[in-house]
Amino acid sequence: MTSPAEAKRLDPQAKRLLDRIHAANPIPYSRLGAVAARELYKVSRGPLAPPAPEVAAVEDLDLPGPGGTLRVRHYRPHGSTASETLPALVFFHGGGFVIGDLDTHDVVCRLLANASRAAVLAVDYRLAPEHPFPAAVDDAVAATRWIAASTWALRIDPARIAVGGDSAGGNLAAVVAIALRDAGGPPLALQVLIYPATDLSAGHASHLTYAEGHLLTRDSVLWFHGNYLGDLARAEDWRASPLRATDLGGLPPAYIVTAGFDPLLDEGEAYAERLIASGVRVTYECFTGQIHGFLLMGGVLAAANHAVARAALVMRIAFGTARSPIPEERAHRDADRAAAEGE
């Protein structure tokens, strides 16, 4: 019987990148410790990213957070004016809740802002192990609430706010959407979840299928989760694992991206299926030849730029600044078929 890995073909650009990384034999994050891992991650992102595009403005803001001052980086898309009221994406960076920051995701935030013609507000939430779960959740919710309460000053439209992020950031975006629904608002127009971590038990089959050899290893996943949760039993809390939330109904529409050679593949797809079953409108796409983290690698992976463009298009449709190329009736039908067939 053909295994899932054998049935798919790794993208040639991704394979060349993995060959280079394997030849360099990098030290695993788990052996470096959090501080050194953060520095390695930051240094290694630069050569993989495309050139940073110009935007109209970038401003770092300080806002009150549950654990002290929170920094938020506000991007205004190229061609926009300071007085223009824009839709907005509140963005949470990836990095396993341990590494990553505003600088590691600066280029992708610029790209998303320009392509979607929306403001992007990237949140510098607290990292583990210094600030374990649920510190990142508390920061993400607080930042989103503050942004929604400051729309006049920020020149953003309160009716057109989305949340999004990659990997751990996708986890936080999904959790924020649930938390705000349960609290009665503020309302969100969309959730953009890029290869999201939705179940921190790491028990889905893809965690074993892609445990080694595709950049994100099982050793790293367990190290990230251990640093963030402390006690792995906390993975049962929906604020850590949104896939375990009892009710996913009434959430904003979702755009979910997975990568075919990613330990997080199955939990991202499972989250899309549960949302669809709960009556939430979902656009789900699997970049079948790609690896975890590919969104930041647009300098060497063409698929990263395609994913940014797709995410931006879905944002513009949700914000009412572009029309869907697929009639709404067909979009519903395709989503139902994907759920039924497990596509």
Protein backbone atom coordinates (compact mmCIF):
# COMPACT_ATOMS: atom_id res chain seq x y z
CA MET A 1 0.00 0.00 0.00
CA THR A 2 1.33 3.43 -0.91
CA SER A 3 2.07 5.64 2.10
CA PRO A 4 0.80 9.25 2.23
CA ALA A 5 4.37 10.50 1.76
CA GLU A 6 4.93 8.31 -1.31
CA ALA A 7 1.60 9.28 -2.86
CA LYS A 8 2.61 12.95 -2.96
CA ARG A 9 5.52 14.66 -4.62
CA LEU A 10 7.68 17.07 -2.68
CA ASP A 11 7.97 20.41 -4.48
CA PRO A 12 11.37 20.49 -6.27
CA GLN A 13 12.25 23.87 -4.76
CA ALA A 14 11.36 22.59 -1.29
CA LYS A 15 13.49 19.48 -1.90
CA ARG A 16 16.50 21.58 -2.88
CA LEU A 17 16.04 23.69 0.24
CA LEU A 18 15.78 20.61 2.47
CA ASP A 19 18.91 19.14 0.86
CA ARG A 20 20.82 22.33 1.70
CA ILE A 21 19.56 22.34 5.27
CA HIS A 22 20.39 18.66 5.81
CA ALA A 23 23.89 19.20 4.41
CA ALA A 24 24.44 22.01 6.92
CA ASN A 25 23.43 19.65 9.76
CA PRO A 26 21.96 22.39 12.00
CA ILE A 27 21.76 21.92 15.78
CA PRO A 28 18.17 21.09 16.83
CA TYR A 29 16.30 23.83 18.69
CA SER A 30 15.84 21.48 21.65
CA ARG A 31 19.60 21.37 22.19
CA LEU A 32 20.09 25.11 21.79
CA GLY A 33 17.62 26.39 24.37
CA ALA A 34 15.05 29.13 23.83
CA VAL A 35 17.34 32.17 23.65
CA ALA A 36 19.80 30.67 21.14
CA ALA A 37 16.94 29.11 19.16
CA ARG A 38 15.34 32.54 18.75
CA GLU A 39 18.55 33.97 17.38
CA LEU A 40 19.09 31.06 14.99
CA TYR A 41 15.52 31.34 13.73
CA LYS A 42 15.86 35.08 13.15
CA VAL A 43 19.19 34.75 11.34
CA SER A 44 17.99 31.87 9.17
CA ARG A 45 14.80 33.61 7.95
CA GLY A 46 16.56 36.42 6.10
CA PRO A 47 18.20 34.41 3.29
CA LEU A 48 14.90 32.62 2.57
CA ALA A 49 12.67 35.69 2.39
CA PRO A 50 11.99 37.81 -0.70
CA PRO A 51 13.05 41.48 -0.66
CA ALA A 52 11.01 43.58 1.76
CA PRO A 53 8.52 45.62 -0.28
CA GLU A 54 7.81 49.26 0.42
CA VAL A 55 4.63 50.05 2.31
CA ALA A 56 3.01 53.41 2.93
CA ALA A 57 3.91 53.47 6.62
CA VAL A 58 5.13 51.27 9.47
CA GLU A 59 4.68 52.28 13.09
CA ASP A 60 5.41 50.45 16.32
CA LEU A 61 2.75 51.00 18.97
CA ASP A 62 2.73 50.24 22.69
CA LEU A 63 -0.52 49.12 24.26
CA PRO A 64 -1.47 47.88 27.72
CA GLY A 65 -1.41 44.10 28.01
CA PRO A 66 -2.23 41.65 30.77
CA GLY A 67 1.47 41.16 31.56
CA GLY A 68 2.70 44.68 30.84
CA THR A 69 3.26 46.70 27.69
CA LEU A 70 2.52 44.92 24.40
CA ARG A 71 4.14 46.02 21.16
CA VAL A 72 2.13 46.04 17.94
CA ARG A 73 3.56 46.89 14.52
CA HIS A 74 1.08 48.73 12.29
CA TYR A 75 1.59 48.42 8.51
CA ARG A 76 -0.29 50.57 6.00
CA PRO A 77 -0.31 49.22 2.42
CA HIS A 78 1.57 50.89 -0.40
CA GLY A 79 -0.59 53.51 -2.10
CA SER A 80 -2.83 54.13 0.89
CA THR A 81 -3.10 57.49 2.64
CA ALA A 82 -2.79 58.28 6.33
CA SER A 83 -6.42 59.43 6.50
CA GLU A 84 -7.88 56.43 4.61
CA THR A 85 -10.02 54.02 6.63
CA LEU A 86 -8.85 50.50 5.82
CA PRO A 87 -9.84 46.94 6.67
CA ALA A 88 -7.34 45.27 8.97
CA LEU A 89 -5.66 41.96 9.73
CA VAL A 90 -4.51 41.35 13.30
CA PHE A 91 -1.55 39.03 12.77
CA PHE A 92 0.14 36.60 15.17
CA HIS A 93 3.55 35.25 14.16
CA GLY A 94 4.53 31.60 14.23
CA GLY A 95 7.41 29.95 16.03
CA GLY A 96 5.98 27.32 18.34
CA PHE A 97 5.10 29.92 21.01
CA VAL A 98 8.85 30.01 21.80
CA ILE A 99 10.64 31.68 18.88
CA GLY A 100 9.75 34.27 16.24
CA ASP A 101 8.98 37.96 16.60
CA LEU A 102 7.89 41.03 14.67
CA ASP A 103 11.14 41.09 12.70
CA THR A 104 11.05 37.44 11.57
CA HIS A 105 7.62 38.05 10.04
CA ASP A 106 8.14 41.63 8.85
CA VAL A 107 8.40 40.78 5.15
CA VAL A 108 5.31 38.58 5.07
CA CYS A 109 3.29 41.24 6.90
CA ARG A 110 4.37 43.82 4.32
CA LEU A 111 3.43 41.46 1.50
CA LEU A 112 0.02 40.74 3.02
CA ALA A 113 -0.69 44.42 3.59
CA ASN A 114 0.13 45.38 0.01
CA ALA A 115 -1.61 42.42 -1.63
CA SER A 116 -4.80 42.74 0.44
CA ARG A 117 -4.77 46.54 0.55
CA ALA A 118 -5.47 46.27 4.25
CA ALA A 119 -3.71 47.44 7.38
CA VAL A 120 -1.79 44.69 9.15
CA LEU A 121 -1.26 44.90 12.90
CA ALA A 122 1.33 42.34 14.04
CA VAL A 123 1.29 41.47 17.74
CA ASP A 124 4.49 40.85 19.74
CA TYR A 125 2.93 38.48 22.27
CA ARG A 126 4.88 37.02 25.19
CA LEU A 127 6.89 33.86 24.51
CA ALA A 128 7.45 30.65 26.44
CA PRO A 129 9.12 29.27 28.50
CA GLU A 130 9.50 32.61 30.28
CA HIS A 131 5.77 33.22 29.81
CA PRO A 132 3.99 29.86 29.49
CA PHE A 133 0.40 29.13 28.48
CA PRO A 134 -1.96 30.97 28.58
CA ALA A 135 0.15 34.16 28.42
CA ALA A 136 0.23 34.22 24.61
CA VAL A 137 -3.55 33.67 24.47
CA ASP A 138 -4.18 36.47 26.97
CA ASP A 139 -1.97 38.84 24.96
CA ALA A 140 -3.60 37.91 21.66
CA VAL A 141 -7.12 38.47 22.97
CA ALA A 142 -6.16 41.72 24.71
CA ALA A 143 -4.41 43.09 21.62
CA THR A 144 -7.35 42.27 19.36
CA ARG A 145 -9.77 43.92 21.78
CA TRP A 146 -7.58 47.01 22.02
CA ILE A 147 -7.31 47.28 18.24
CA ALA A 148 -11.08 46.90 17.83
CA ALA A 149 -11.62 49.62 20.45
CA SER A 150 -9.10 51.97 18.76
CA THR A 151 -10.35 51.86 15.19
CA TRP A 152 -10.87 55.63 14.89
CA ALA A 153 -7.30 56.40 15.97
CA LEU A 154 -5.87 53.60 13.84
CA ARG A 155 -7.98 54.54 10.81
CA ILE A 156 -9.37 51.03 10.37
CA ASP A 157 -12.91 49.87 9.74
CA PRO A 158 -14.43 48.18 12.83
CA ALA A 159 -16.70 46.07 10.61
CA ARG A 160 -13.76 44.65 8.62
CA ILE A 161 -11.26 43.21 11.10
CA ALA A 162 -9.73 39.78 10.54
CA VAL A 163 -7.37 37.71 12.66
CA GLY A 164 -4.66 35.49 11.26
CA GLY A 165 -1.29 33.89 11.70
CA ASP A 166 0.98 31.02 10.77
CA SER A 167 1.57 27.85 12.81
CA ALA A 168 1.46 28.91 16.50
CA GLY A 169 0.07 32.21 15.26
CA GLY A 170 -2.70 30.34 13.46
CA ASN A 171 -3.47 28.63 16.76
CA LEU A 172 -3.76 32.01 18.50
CA ALA A 173 -5.95 33.45 15.74
CA ALA A 174 -8.33 30.49 16.00
CA VAL A 175 -8.45 30.79 19.80
CA VAL A 176 -9.09 34.54 19.61
CA ALA A 177 -12.01 33.93 17.23
CA ILE A 178 -13.59 31.48 19.70
CA ALA A 179 -12.93 33.71 22.72
CA LEU A 180 -14.49 36.78 21.08
CA ARG A 181 -17.51 34.77 19.92
CA ASP A 182 -18.06 33.53 23.47
CA ALA A 183 -17.72 37.07 24.85
CA GLY A 184 -20.19 38.53 22.36
CA GLY A 185 -17.63 40.41 20.30
CA PRO A 186 -16.08 42.44 18.91
CA PRO A 187 -17.10 40.72 15.65
CA LEU A 188 -14.53 39.45 13.18
CA ALA A 189 -14.86 39.31 9.40
CA LEU A 190 -12.44 36.43 8.79
CA GLN A 191 -9.84 34.13 10.31
CA VAL A 192 -6.72 33.36 8.23
CA LEU A 193 -5.09 30.19 9.54
CA ILE A 194 -1.83 29.19 7.84
CA TYR A 195 -0.77 25.61 8.69
CA PRO A 196 -2.26 26.17 12.15
CA ALA A 197 -1.45 24.15 15.25
CA THR A 198 -4.94 23.17 16.40
CA ASP A 199 -4.24 20.18 18.68
CA LEU A 200 -1.16 20.35 20.89
CA SER A 201 -1.42 16.68 21.82
CA ALA A 202 0.58 16.03 18.61
CA GLY A 203 -1.31 12.77 18.23
CA HIS A 204 -2.47 12.96 14.61
CA ALA A 205 -1.00 10.54 12.09
CA SER A 206 0.88 13.23 10.15
CA HIS A 207 3.04 13.88 13.22
CA LEU A 208 4.48 10.39 12.78
CA THR A 209 4.45 10.32 8.96
CA TYR A 210 6.52 13.53 8.80
CA ALA A 211 8.39 13.18 12.09
CA GLU A 212 11.77 13.59 10.38
CA GLY A 213 13.26 15.03 7.23
CA HIS A 214 10.86 17.89 6.41
CA LEU A 215 12.30 20.76 8.48
CA LEU A 216 9.84 20.67 11.40
CA THR A 217 10.65 17.49 13.33
CA ARG A 218 8.71 15.68 16.03
CA ASP A 219 11.53 16.46 18.46
CA SER A 220 11.05 20.19 17.82
CA VAL A 221 7.26 19.96 18.04
CA LEU A 222 7.42 18.27 21.44
CA TRP A 223 10.04 20.77 22.62
CA PHE A 224 7.85 23.70 21.58
CA HIS A 225 4.77 22.21 23.21
CA GLY A 226 6.65 21.35 26.39
CA ASN A 227 8.01 24.88 26.73
CA TYR A 228 4.59 26.42 26.10
CA LEU A 229 2.36 24.12 28.12
CA GLY A 230 4.68 22.97 30.88
CA ASP A 231 2.34 20.09 31.61
CA LEU A 232 1.35 18.42 28.33
CA ALA A 233 -2.02 17.53 29.87
CA ARG A 234 -2.92 21.18 29.26
CA ALA A 235 -3.24 20.31 25.57
CA GLU A 236 -6.82 19.30 26.41
CA ASP A 237 -7.71 22.95 27.13
CA TRP A 238 -9.37 24.46 24.02
CA ARG A 239 -7.31 27.63 24.52
CA ALA A 240 -4.26 25.47 23.73
CA SER A 241 -5.99 23.16 21.25
CA PRO A 242 -8.92 24.88 19.51
CA LEU A 243 -9.77 21.61 17.74
CA ARG A 244 -10.90 20.38 21.18
CA ALA A 245 -13.42 23.19 21.67
CA THR A 246 -16.89 21.77 22.28
CA ASP A 247 -18.65 24.19 19.91
CA LEU A 248 -17.21 25.74 16.75
CA GLY A 249 -20.49 27.16 15.49
CA GLY A 250 -21.01 30.87 14.95
CA LEU A 251 -17.36 31.60 14.15
CA PRO A 252 -16.24 33.96 11.39
CA PRO A 253 -15.46 32.53 7.94
CA ALA A 254 -12.06 30.88 7.70
CA TYR A 255 -9.28 30.55 5.16
CA ILE A 256 -7.14 27.56 6.12
CA VAL A 257 -3.89 26.55 4.43
CA THR A 258 -1.97 23.35 5.10
CA ALA A 259 1.28 21.94 3.71
CA GLY A 260 1.41 18.38 2.40
CA PHE A 261 4.71 17.42 4.06
CA ASP A 262 4.00 18.92 7.47
CA PRO A 263 3.48 17.25 10.85
CA LEU A 264 0.58 19.69 11.38
CA LEU A 265 -1.19 18.64 8.17
CA ASP A 266 -3.87 16.43 9.71
CA GLU A 267 -4.87 18.77 12.52
CA GLY A 268 -5.22 21.71 10.12
CA GLU A 269 -7.43 19.67 7.82
CA ALA A 270 -9.42 18.35 10.80
CA TYR A 271 -10.07 21.89 11.96
CA ALA A 272 -11.36 22.86 8.52
CA GLU A 273 -13.67 19.83 8.51
CA ARG A 274 -15.03 20.61 11.98
CA LEU A 275 -15.70 24.23 11.05
CA ILE A 276 -17.57 23.16 7.92
CA ALA A 277 -19.59 20.63 9.92
CA SER A 278 -20.43 23.45 12.36
CA GLY A 279 -21.84 25.63 9.57
CA VAL A 280 -18.84 27.96 9.21
CA ARG A 281 -17.84 29.04 5.71
CA VAL A 282 -14.37 27.68 4.98
CA THR A 283 -11.94 27.99 2.11
CA TYR A 284 -9.42 25.18 2.59
CA GLU A 285 -6.30 24.69 0.47
CA CYS A 286 -3.47 22.22 0.86
CA PHE A 287 -0.18 23.09 -0.81
CA THR A 288 0.55 19.41 -1.26
CA GLY A 289 4.24 19.67 -2.17
CA GLN A 290 5.18 22.04 0.61
CA ILE A 291 6.78 21.90 4.06
CA HIS A 292 5.92 23.59 7.33
CA GLY A 293 6.92 27.26 7.44
CA PHE A 294 6.94 27.76 3.68
CA LEU A 295 5.01 31.06 3.85
CA LEU A 296 8.14 32.93 4.99
CA MET A 297 10.34 31.44 2.26
CA GLY A 298 9.23 33.40 -0.79
CA GLY A 299 12.83 34.10 -1.75
CA VAL A 300 13.38 30.43 -2.58
CA LEU A 301 9.87 28.90 -2.78
CA ALA A 302 7.46 30.21 -5.42
CA ALA A 303 4.58 28.57 -3.55
CA ALA A 304 5.04 31.03 -0.69
CA ASN A 305 4.20 33.94 -2.96
CA HIS A 306 1.19 32.06 -4.33
CA ALA A 307 -0.03 31.46 -0.77
CA VAL A 308 0.31 35.16 0.11
CA ALA A 309 -1.62 36.10 -3.02
CA ARG A 310 -4.36 33.57 -2.23
CA ALA A 311 -4.68 34.72 1.37
CA ALA A 312 -4.85 38.33 0.24
CA LEU A 313 -7.57 37.53 -2.30
CA VAL A 314 -9.68 35.77 0.34
CA MET A 315 -9.19 38.78 2.63
CA ARG A 316 -10.29 41.19 -0.08
CA ILE A 317 -13.38 39.09 -0.79
CA ALA A 318 -14.24 39.01 2.93
CA PHE A 319 -13.67 42.76 3.19
CA GLY A 320 -15.82 43.44 0.14
CA THR A 321 -13.01 44.92 -1.95
CA ALA A 322 -12.95 42.05 -4.48
CA ARG A 323 -15.49 39.63 -5.89
CA SER A 324 -15.11 35.89 -5.53
CA PRO A 325 -14.16 34.13 -8.79
CA ILE A 326 -16.38 31.24 -7.61
CA PRO A 327 -20.15 31.80 -7.31
CA GLU A 328 -21.31 31.54 -3.69
CA GLU A 329 -23.56 28.54 -4.38
CA ARG A 330 -20.67 26.62 -5.93
CA ALA A 331 -18.34 27.58 -3.06
CA HIS A 332 -20.78 26.04 -0.58
CA ARG A 333 -21.14 22.92 -2.72
CA ASP A 334 -17.37 22.49 -3.11
CA ALA A 335 -16.85 22.94 0.63
CA ASP A 336 -19.48 20.31 1.38
CA ARG A 337 -17.90 17.89 -1.10
CA ALA A 338 -14.42 18.46 0.35
CA ALA A 339 -15.71 17.69 3.83
CA ALA A 340 -17.48 14.55 2.66
CA GLU A 341 -14.52 13.24 0.67
CA GLY A 342 -11.77 14.38 3.03
CA GLU A 343 -10.08 16.39 0.30
